[in-house]
Amino acid sequence: MAEHNELGEIGEQLAIDYLLKNGYQILERNYRYIKAEVDIIALKENTLIAVEVKTRSSNYFGNPEDFVSKKKIKLLVFAVDHYVVQRDLDVNVRFDIIAITLEKNSHKLEHLEDAFLYF
């Protein structure tokens, strides 16, 4: 497996552990619809949260959240809209980013709620 895939899987597991610890219910992991993939779909109270996980081994080239493109945002919105309509859900929807920087023996995790409001 490529090193960047391993890094991504480690980051996604750290994100899931964090979300579970903070009262989120995980509904889907790596949900795919056409060309879009949502890393995590979670539920907390009456809010469906689509989570994009960005994991980096350093901040040398920028913070992990800086690597979410406008194209990726459009694809995420498209996929989550399909998810909600297909399941006939009556929920609020929020888009979050969990940015993780892995260091030698630790990691830094930042949870950015309503992250796409800033793009």
Protein backbone atom coordinates (compact mmCIF):
# COMPACT_ATOMS: atom_id res chain seq x y z
CA MET A 1 0.00 0.00 0.00
CA ALA A 2 1.27 3.47 -0.83
CA GLU A 3 2.55 5.53 2.08
CA HIS A 4 0.00 8.31 1.50
CA ASN A 5 -2.84 5.75 1.65
CA GLU A 6 -1.55 4.43 4.98
CA LEU A 7 -1.30 7.98 6.29
CA GLY A 8 -4.89 8.62 5.20
CA GLU A 9 -6.18 5.46 6.85
CA ILE A 10 -4.41 6.33 10.11
CA GLY A 11 -5.91 9.80 9.98
CA GLU A 12 -9.42 8.52 9.29
CA GLN A 13 -9.22 6.13 12.24
CA LEU A 14 -8.00 8.93 14.52
CA ALA A 15 -10.91 11.07 13.29
CA ILE A 16 -13.44 8.29 13.94
CA ASP A 17 -12.06 7.68 17.43
CA TYR A 18 -12.30 11.42 18.14
CA LEU A 19 -15.89 11.66 16.84
CA LEU A 20 -17.06 8.62 18.81
CA LYS A 21 -15.45 10.00 21.96
CA ASN A 22 -17.35 13.25 21.42
CA GLY A 23 -20.82 11.74 21.02
CA TYR A 24 -21.09 11.31 17.25
CA GLN A 25 -22.65 8.23 15.70
CA ILE A 26 -20.74 7.01 12.64
CA LEU A 27 -23.15 6.16 9.80
CA GLU A 28 -20.76 5.68 6.88
CA ARG A 29 -17.07 5.54 6.17
CA ASN A 30 -15.76 6.26 2.66
CA TYR A 31 -19.26 6.77 1.22
CA ARG A 32 -19.07 6.95 -2.58
CA TYR A 33 -21.49 8.44 -5.07
CA ILE A 34 -20.39 8.70 -8.70
CA LYS A 35 -17.05 10.60 -8.55
CA ALA A 36 -17.44 11.81 -4.97
CA GLU A 37 -16.21 10.23 -1.77
CA VAL A 38 -17.15 11.39 1.72
CA ASP A 39 -14.62 10.20 4.29
CA ILE A 40 -17.08 10.03 7.20
CA ILE A 41 -20.80 10.61 7.53
CA ALA A 42 -21.82 11.00 11.14
CA LEU A 43 -24.89 11.98 13.13
CA LYS A 44 -25.11 14.06 16.27
CA GLU A 45 -28.51 15.01 17.61
CA ASN A 46 -30.50 16.00 14.48
CA THR A 47 -27.49 17.01 12.40
CA LEU A 48 -25.89 14.93 9.68
CA ILE A 49 -22.20 15.77 9.48
CA ALA A 50 -20.08 15.10 6.41
CA VAL A 51 -16.46 15.00 7.49
CA GLU A 52 -13.50 15.48 5.20
CA VAL A 53 -10.35 14.16 6.89
CA LYS A 54 -7.04 15.66 5.82
CA THR A 55 -3.89 14.08 7.22
CA ARG A 56 -0.36 15.30 6.68
CA SER A 57 3.02 14.30 8.07
CA SER A 58 4.02 17.96 8.48
CA ASN A 59 2.77 21.50 7.98
CA TYR A 60 5.74 22.38 5.79
CA PHE A 61 3.55 22.98 2.69
CA GLY A 62 0.54 24.30 4.64
CA ASN A 63 -2.08 23.15 7.08
CA PRO A 64 -4.01 19.99 6.20
CA GLU A 65 -7.30 21.88 5.78
CA ASP A 66 -5.69 24.08 3.12
CA PHE A 67 -5.76 21.09 0.76
CA VAL A 68 -9.56 20.91 0.42
CA SER A 69 -10.26 22.29 -3.05
CA LYS A 70 -13.41 24.02 -4.27
CA LYS A 71 -13.92 21.07 -6.62
CA LYS A 72 -13.78 18.67 -3.65
CA ILE A 73 -16.31 20.80 -1.79
CA LYS A 74 -18.73 20.66 -4.74
CA LEU A 75 -18.35 16.88 -4.95
CA LEU A 76 -18.95 16.49 -1.21
CA VAL A 77 -22.10 18.61 -1.33
CA PHE A 78 -23.32 16.61 -4.35
CA ALA A 79 -22.74 13.26 -2.61
CA VAL A 80 -24.30 14.29 0.70
CA ASP A 81 -27.33 15.74 -1.07
CA HIS A 82 -27.82 12.36 -2.76
CA TYR A 83 -27.33 10.55 0.57
CA VAL A 84 -30.03 12.64 2.28
CA VAL A 85 -32.53 12.41 -0.59
CA GLN A 86 -32.05 8.65 -1.11
CA ARG A 87 -32.67 7.97 2.57
CA ASP A 88 -35.47 10.54 2.88
CA LEU A 89 -33.76 12.08 5.90
CA ASP A 90 -35.13 15.11 7.72
CA VAL A 91 -31.93 16.45 9.24
CA ASN A 92 -29.77 19.53 9.30
CA VAL A 93 -26.54 19.06 7.35
CA ARG A 94 -23.09 20.33 8.27
CA PHE A 95 -19.72 19.97 6.56
CA ASP A 96 -16.67 19.64 8.80
CA ILE A 97 -12.98 19.13 8.25
CA ILE A 98 -10.81 17.18 10.64
CA ALA A 99 -7.22 18.24 10.07
CA ILE A 100 -4.54 15.93 11.43
CA THR A 101 -0.80 16.36 11.52
CA LEU A 102 1.09 13.22 12.47
CA GLU A 103 4.35 13.65 14.27
CA LYS A 104 6.84 11.01 15.38
CA ASN A 105 5.05 9.77 18.51
CA SER A 106 1.95 11.95 18.59
CA HIS A 107 -0.54 13.83 16.48
CA LYS A 108 -2.36 17.14 16.37
CA LEU A 109 -6.07 17.01 15.53
CA GLU A 110 -8.18 20.07 14.78
CA HIS A 111 -11.95 19.80 14.22
CA LEU A 112 -13.27 22.62 12.04
CA GLU A 113 -17.07 22.69 12.24
CA ASP A 114 -19.03 24.27 9.38
CA ALA A 115 -15.70 24.44 7.58
CA PHE A 116 -17.04 25.30 4.15
CA LEU A 117 -18.50 28.58 5.34
CA TYR A 118 -14.96 29.95 5.14
CA PHE A 119 -14.24 28.93 1.54
